[in-house]
Amino acid sequence: VQLQASGGGLVQAGGSLRLSCAASERTFSSYTTGWFRQAPGKEREFVARITWRTGTTYYGDSVKGRFTISRDNAKNTVYLQMDSLKPEDTAVYYCTATTASSTYWGQGTQVTVSS
């Protein structure tokens, strides 16, 4: 599976961005998909995921109530709506697609939040 993330950029604190991640396979709907992020000098951090079977969503504590993950299986795309952005949300954001045996990573998209 090839994943292409887009939608990153520079935004002021309190603003919003929507990230998109397009997958290359039609079987994308059977993958659990998610987002991680990594800020300079920090470990990679879980942001959100959505399960393929039920569409159940999970969020990291630092983004709960501000970020929303969703997917459009017809478009093989997963989204991350990010609202009320904070400077500490600045990071490279990576999308992932996971099966029982493998995890695939996209190339990352930079999000920078200015104070």
N, C-alpha and C. Protein backbone atom coordinates (compact mmCIF):
# COMPACT_ATOMS: atom_id res chain seq x y z
N VAL A 1 0.85 -1.18 0.00
CA VAL A 1 0.00 0.00 0.00
C VAL A 1 0.89 1.24 0.00
N GLN A 2 0.60 2.17 -0.90
CA GLN A 2 1.30 3.46 -0.89
C GLN A 2 0.34 4.52 -0.36
N LEU A 3 0.87 5.33 0.55
CA LEU A 3 0.06 6.36 1.20
C LEU A 3 0.63 7.73 0.88
N GLN A 4 -0.22 8.65 0.46
CA GLN A 4 0.20 10.00 0.10
C GLN A 4 -0.52 10.99 1.00
N ALA A 5 0.23 11.59 1.91
CA ALA A 5 -0.34 12.56 2.83
C ALA A 5 -0.22 13.96 2.26
N SER A 6 -1.18 14.79 2.56
CA SER A 6 -1.16 16.18 2.10
C SER A 6 -1.98 17.04 3.06
N GLY A 7 -1.89 18.35 2.88
CA GLY A 7 -2.71 19.26 3.66
C GLY A 7 -1.98 20.00 4.76
N GLY A 8 -0.73 19.67 4.96
CA GLY A 8 0.03 20.37 5.99
C GLY A 8 0.33 21.80 5.58
N GLY A 9 0.85 22.57 6.54
CA GLY A 9 1.19 23.96 6.23
C GLY A 9 1.42 24.75 7.50
N LEU A 10 1.42 26.06 7.33
CA LEU A 10 1.64 26.98 8.44
C LEU A 10 0.31 27.62 8.82
N VAL A 11 0.00 27.60 10.11
CA VAL A 11 -1.25 28.17 10.60
C VAL A 11 -1.00 28.82 11.95
N GLN A 12 -1.80 29.82 12.26
CA GLN A 12 -1.67 30.47 13.55
C GLN A 12 -2.36 29.65 14.63
N ALA A 13 -1.92 29.83 15.85
CA ALA A 13 -2.55 29.16 16.98
C ALA A 13 -4.05 29.48 17.00
N GLY A 14 -4.84 28.46 17.26
CA GLY A 14 -6.29 28.60 17.25
C GLY A 14 -6.92 28.29 15.91
N GLY A 15 -6.11 28.15 14.90
CA GLY A 15 -6.61 27.87 13.56
C GLY A 15 -6.85 26.40 13.32
N SER A 16 -7.17 26.08 12.07
CA SER A 16 -7.52 24.71 11.68
C SER A 16 -6.79 24.30 10.42
N LEU A 17 -6.59 23.01 10.31
CA LEU A 17 -6.07 22.40 9.09
C LEU A 17 -6.76 21.05 8.92
N ARG A 18 -6.84 20.60 7.69
CA ARG A 18 -7.32 19.24 7.44
C ARG A 18 -6.28 18.50 6.62
N LEU A 19 -5.80 17.42 7.19
CA LEU A 19 -4.85 16.55 6.49
C LEU A 19 -5.62 15.45 5.76
N SER A 20 -5.07 15.06 4.63
CA SER A 20 -5.63 13.96 3.86
C SER A 20 -4.56 12.92 3.61
N CYS A 21 -4.98 11.69 3.51
CA CYS A 21 -4.06 10.60 3.19
C CYS A 21 -4.75 9.69 2.20
N ALA A 22 -4.25 9.67 0.98
CA ALA A 22 -4.84 8.86 -0.08
C ALA A 22 -4.05 7.58 -0.23
N ALA A 23 -4.76 6.46 -0.32
CA ALA A 23 -4.13 5.14 -0.45
C ALA A 23 -4.23 4.65 -1.88
N SER A 24 -3.28 3.80 -2.23
CA SER A 24 -3.19 3.34 -3.61
C SER A 24 -4.03 2.11 -3.89
N GLU A 25 -4.58 1.48 -2.85
CA GLU A 25 -5.28 0.24 -3.07
C GLU A 25 -6.77 0.35 -2.80
N ARG A 26 -7.53 -0.40 -3.57
CA ARG A 26 -8.98 -0.42 -3.36
C ARG A 26 -9.35 -1.16 -2.09
N THR A 27 -8.43 -2.02 -1.60
CA THR A 27 -8.70 -2.77 -0.37
C THR A 27 -8.45 -1.91 0.87
N PHE A 28 -8.20 -0.63 0.65
CA PHE A 28 -7.92 0.29 1.75
C PHE A 28 -8.99 0.24 2.83
N SER A 29 -10.22 -0.01 2.42
CA SER A 29 -11.33 -0.01 3.38
C SER A 29 -11.18 -1.11 4.43
N SER A 30 -10.33 -2.10 4.17
CA SER A 30 -10.14 -3.19 5.13
C SER A 30 -8.94 -2.95 6.03
N TYR A 31 -8.34 -1.78 5.98
CA TYR A 31 -7.21 -1.42 6.82
C TYR A 31 -7.67 -0.51 7.96
N THR A 32 -7.11 -0.71 9.12
CA THR A 32 -7.23 0.30 10.17
C THR A 32 -6.26 1.42 9.81
N THR A 33 -6.71 2.65 9.82
CA THR A 33 -5.87 3.76 9.39
C THR A 33 -5.73 4.77 10.52
N GLY A 34 -4.63 5.47 10.49
CA GLY A 34 -4.38 6.39 11.58
C GLY A 34 -3.34 7.43 11.27
N TRP A 35 -3.05 8.23 12.27
CA TRP A 35 -2.06 9.29 12.17
C TRP A 35 -1.13 9.26 13.38
N PHE A 36 0.13 9.50 13.12
CA PHE A 36 1.13 9.72 14.14
C PHE A 36 1.82 11.04 13.82
N ARG A 37 2.55 11.55 14.78
CA ARG A 37 3.31 12.77 14.52
C ARG A 37 4.64 12.71 15.26
N GLN A 38 5.59 13.46 14.75
CA GLN A 38 6.89 13.53 15.38
C GLN A 38 7.43 14.94 15.29
N ALA A 39 7.66 15.52 16.45
CA ALA A 39 8.25 16.84 16.55
C ALA A 39 9.77 16.71 16.67
N PRO A 40 10.50 17.75 16.30
CA PRO A 40 11.97 17.68 16.38
C PRO A 40 12.44 17.35 17.78
N GLY A 41 13.31 16.36 17.87
CA GLY A 41 13.87 15.99 19.16
C GLY A 41 12.95 15.19 20.05
N LYS A 42 11.78 14.81 19.54
CA LYS A 42 10.82 14.06 20.34
C LYS A 42 10.51 12.72 19.68
N GLU A 43 9.97 11.82 20.49
CA GLU A 43 9.57 10.52 19.97
C GLU A 43 8.28 10.64 19.16
N ARG A 44 8.11 9.67 18.29
CA ARG A 44 6.87 9.64 17.52
C ARG A 44 5.68 9.42 18.46
N GLU A 45 4.62 10.13 18.20
CA GLU A 45 3.46 10.13 19.10
C GLU A 45 2.21 9.72 18.34
N PHE A 46 1.42 8.87 18.96
CA PHE A 46 0.13 8.47 18.41
C PHE A 46 -0.84 9.65 18.44
N VAL A 47 -1.54 9.88 17.34
CA VAL A 47 -2.52 10.97 17.26
C VAL A 47 -3.94 10.43 17.22
N ALA A 48 -4.23 9.57 16.25
CA ALA A 48 -5.61 9.07 16.10
C ALA A 48 -5.61 7.85 15.18
N ARG A 49 -6.64 7.04 15.32
CA ARG A 49 -6.85 5.96 14.37
C ARG A 49 -8.33 5.65 14.26
N ILE A 50 -8.69 5.01 13.16
CA ILE A 50 -10.07 4.62 12.93
C ILE A 50 -10.05 3.19 12.42
N THR A 51 -10.84 2.32 13.04
CA THR A 51 -10.83 0.91 12.68
C THR A 51 -11.63 0.66 11.41
N TRP A 52 -11.21 -0.37 10.69
CA TRP A 52 -11.82 -0.60 9.39
C TRP A 52 -13.20 -1.22 9.52
N ARG A 53 -13.40 -2.04 10.54
CA ARG A 53 -14.66 -2.80 10.59
C ARG A 53 -15.83 -1.95 11.09
N THR A 54 -15.60 -1.26 12.20
CA THR A 54 -16.72 -0.54 12.83
C THR A 54 -16.58 0.97 12.71
N GLY A 55 -15.42 1.44 12.29
CA GLY A 55 -15.22 2.89 12.24
C GLY A 55 -15.03 3.51 13.61
N THR A 56 -14.67 2.69 14.59
CA THR A 56 -14.43 3.22 15.93
C THR A 56 -13.16 4.07 15.90
N THR A 57 -13.22 5.19 16.60
CA THR A 57 -12.09 6.12 16.61
C THR A 57 -11.40 6.16 17.96
N TYR A 58 -10.12 6.41 17.93
CA TYR A 58 -9.30 6.53 19.13
C TYR A 58 -8.40 7.75 18.94
N TYR A 59 -8.12 8.42 20.06
CA TYR A 59 -7.31 9.63 20.01
C TYR A 59 -6.26 9.65 21.10
N GLY A 60 -5.14 10.29 20.80
CA GLY A 60 -4.17 10.54 21.83
C GLY A 60 -4.70 11.60 22.79
N ASP A 61 -4.23 11.54 24.03
CA ASP A 61 -4.76 12.46 25.05
C ASP A 61 -4.53 13.92 24.68
N SER A 62 -3.44 14.19 24.02
CA SER A 62 -3.11 15.59 23.74
C SER A 62 -3.99 16.21 22.65
N VAL A 63 -4.74 15.40 21.91
CA VAL A 63 -5.55 15.95 20.81
C VAL A 63 -7.04 15.70 21.00
N LYS A 64 -7.42 14.98 22.02
CA LYS A 64 -8.84 14.69 22.24
C LYS A 64 -9.65 15.97 22.34
N GLY A 65 -10.78 15.96 21.64
CA GLY A 65 -11.65 17.12 21.66
C GLY A 65 -11.29 18.20 20.65
N ARG A 66 -10.11 18.06 20.02
CA ARG A 66 -9.68 19.07 19.04
C ARG A 66 -9.51 18.49 17.65
N PHE A 67 -9.12 17.23 17.56
CA PHE A 67 -8.88 16.58 16.28
C PHE A 67 -9.97 15.55 16.02
N THR A 68 -10.28 15.37 14.74
CA THR A 68 -11.27 14.37 14.34
C THR A 68 -10.75 13.58 13.15
N ILE A 69 -10.73 12.26 13.30
CA ILE A 69 -10.32 11.40 12.19
C ILE A 69 -11.56 10.85 11.51
N SER A 70 -11.49 10.75 10.20
CA SER A 70 -12.60 10.18 9.43
C SER A 70 -12.04 9.55 8.17
N ARG A 71 -12.87 8.80 7.47
CA ARG A 71 -12.40 8.16 6.25
C ARG A 71 -13.51 8.11 5.22
N ASP A 72 -13.11 8.11 3.98
CA ASP A 72 -14.02 7.96 2.86
C ASP A 72 -13.53 6.76 2.07
N ASN A 73 -14.16 5.62 2.28
CA ASN A 73 -13.68 4.40 1.64
C ASN A 73 -13.83 4.46 0.12
N ALA A 74 -14.82 5.17 -0.36
CA ALA A 74 -15.01 5.28 -1.81
C ALA A 74 -13.85 6.01 -2.47
N LYS A 75 -13.20 6.89 -1.70
CA LYS A 75 -12.06 7.65 -2.22
C LYS A 75 -10.73 7.11 -1.72
N ASN A 76 -10.77 6.02 -0.96
CA ASN A 76 -9.53 5.46 -0.39
C ASN A 76 -8.74 6.51 0.37
N THR A 77 -9.42 7.31 1.15
CA THR A 77 -8.79 8.45 1.80
C THR A 77 -9.20 8.52 3.26
N VAL A 78 -8.24 8.85 4.11
CA VAL A 78 -8.50 9.12 5.52
C VAL A 78 -8.13 10.58 5.78
N TYR A 79 -8.89 11.22 6.67
CA TYR A 79 -8.72 12.63 6.95
C TYR A 79 -8.41 12.84 8.43
N LEU A 80 -7.74 13.94 8.70
CA LEU A 80 -7.55 14.38 10.08
C LEU A 80 -7.89 15.86 10.13
N GLN A 81 -9.04 16.15 10.70
CA GLN A 81 -9.45 17.54 10.91
C GLN A 81 -8.85 18.02 12.21
N MET A 82 -8.06 19.08 12.15
CA MET A 82 -7.37 19.59 13.32
C MET A 82 -7.87 21.00 13.61
N ASP A 83 -8.51 21.16 14.74
CA ASP A 83 -9.05 22.45 15.16
C ASP A 83 -8.35 22.92 16.44
N SER A 84 -8.50 24.19 16.73
CA SER A 84 -7.91 24.77 17.94
C SER A 84 -6.44 24.40 18.05
N LEU A 85 -5.72 24.58 16.97
CA LEU A 85 -4.32 24.16 16.94
C LEU A 85 -3.48 24.98 17.90
N LYS A 86 -2.48 24.30 18.46
CA LYS A 86 -1.56 24.90 19.41
C LYS A 86 -0.13 24.80 18.87
N PRO A 87 0.76 25.65 19.32
CA PRO A 87 2.16 25.54 18.87
C PRO A 87 2.75 24.16 19.13
N GLU A 88 2.32 23.52 20.19
CA GLU A 88 2.85 22.18 20.50
C GLU A 88 2.34 21.11 19.55
N ASP A 89 1.43 21.45 18.66
CA ASP A 89 0.99 20.51 17.63
C ASP A 89 1.95 20.51 16.43
N THR A 90 2.91 21.40 16.45
CA THR A 90 3.90 21.46 15.37
C THR A 90 4.67 20.16 15.28
N ALA A 91 4.65 19.54 14.10
CA ALA A 91 5.30 18.24 13.91
C ALA A 91 5.15 17.83 12.46
N VAL A 92 5.84 16.76 12.12
CA VAL A 92 5.57 16.06 10.86
C VAL A 92 4.51 15.01 11.15
N TYR A 93 3.46 15.02 10.38
CA TYR A 93 2.35 14.09 10.58
C TYR A 93 2.41 12.98 9.54
N TYR A 94 2.30 11.75 10.04
CA TYR A 94 2.38 10.58 9.18
C TYR A 94 1.07 9.80 9.23
N CYS A 95 0.60 9.37 8.09
CA CYS A 95 -0.56 8.48 8.09
C CYS A 95 -0.09 7.04 8.02
N THR A 96 -0.92 6.15 8.54
CA THR A 96 -0.59 4.73 8.57
C THR A 96 -1.80 3.91 8.15
N ALA A 97 -1.49 2.73 7.63
CA ALA A 97 -2.52 1.76 7.31
C ALA A 97 -2.05 0.42 7.85
N THR A 98 -2.89 -0.22 8.63
CA THR A 98 -2.48 -1.41 9.37
C THR A 98 -3.40 -2.58 9.10
N THR A 99 -2.77 -3.76 8.89
CA THR A 99 -3.52 -5.01 8.85
C THR A 99 -3.05 -5.86 10.02
N ALA A 100 -3.48 -7.08 10.06
CA ALA A 100 -3.07 -7.97 11.14
C ALA A 100 -1.57 -8.25 11.09
N SER A 101 -0.97 -8.13 9.91
CA SER A 101 0.42 -8.54 9.75
C SER A 101 1.37 -7.41 9.37
N SER A 102 0.86 -6.28 8.93
CA SER A 102 1.75 -5.23 8.42
C SER A 102 1.24 -3.85 8.76
N THR A 103 2.18 -2.91 8.84
CA THR A 103 1.85 -1.49 8.98
C THR A 103 2.58 -0.73 7.89
N TYR A 104 1.84 0.12 7.18
CA TYR A 104 2.40 0.93 6.10
C TYR A 104 2.38 2.39 6.53
N TRP A 105 3.42 3.12 6.12
CA TRP A 105 3.56 4.52 6.51
C TRP A 105 3.60 5.41 5.27
N GLY A 106 2.96 6.56 5.39
CA GLY A 106 3.08 7.57 4.36
C GLY A 106 4.34 8.38 4.56
N GLN A 107 4.57 9.36 3.70
CA GLN A 107 5.84 10.09 3.71
C GLN A 107 5.86 11.24 4.70
N GLY A 108 4.74 11.62 5.25
CA GLY A 108 4.70 12.70 6.21
C GLY A 108 4.39 14.05 5.59
N THR A 109 3.72 14.87 6.36
CA THR A 109 3.42 16.24 5.94
C THR A 109 3.65 17.16 7.13
N GLN A 110 4.31 18.28 6.88
CA GLN A 110 4.70 19.19 7.97
C GLN A 110 3.54 20.09 8.37
N VAL A 111 3.31 20.16 9.66
CA VAL A 111 2.34 21.10 10.23
C VAL A 111 3.10 22.01 11.18
N THR A 112 2.97 23.31 10.96
CA THR A 112 3.63 24.29 11.82
C THR A 112 2.60 25.26 12.34
N VAL A 113 2.53 25.38 13.65
CA VAL A 113 1.57 26.27 14.30
C VAL A 113 2.34 27.39 14.98
N SER A 114 2.08 28.60 14.55
CA SER A 114 2.78 29.75 15.12
C SER A 114 1.99 30.35 16.28
N SER A 115 2.69 30.89 17.22
CA SER A 115 2.03 31.47 18.41
C SER A 115 1.70 32.94 18.20
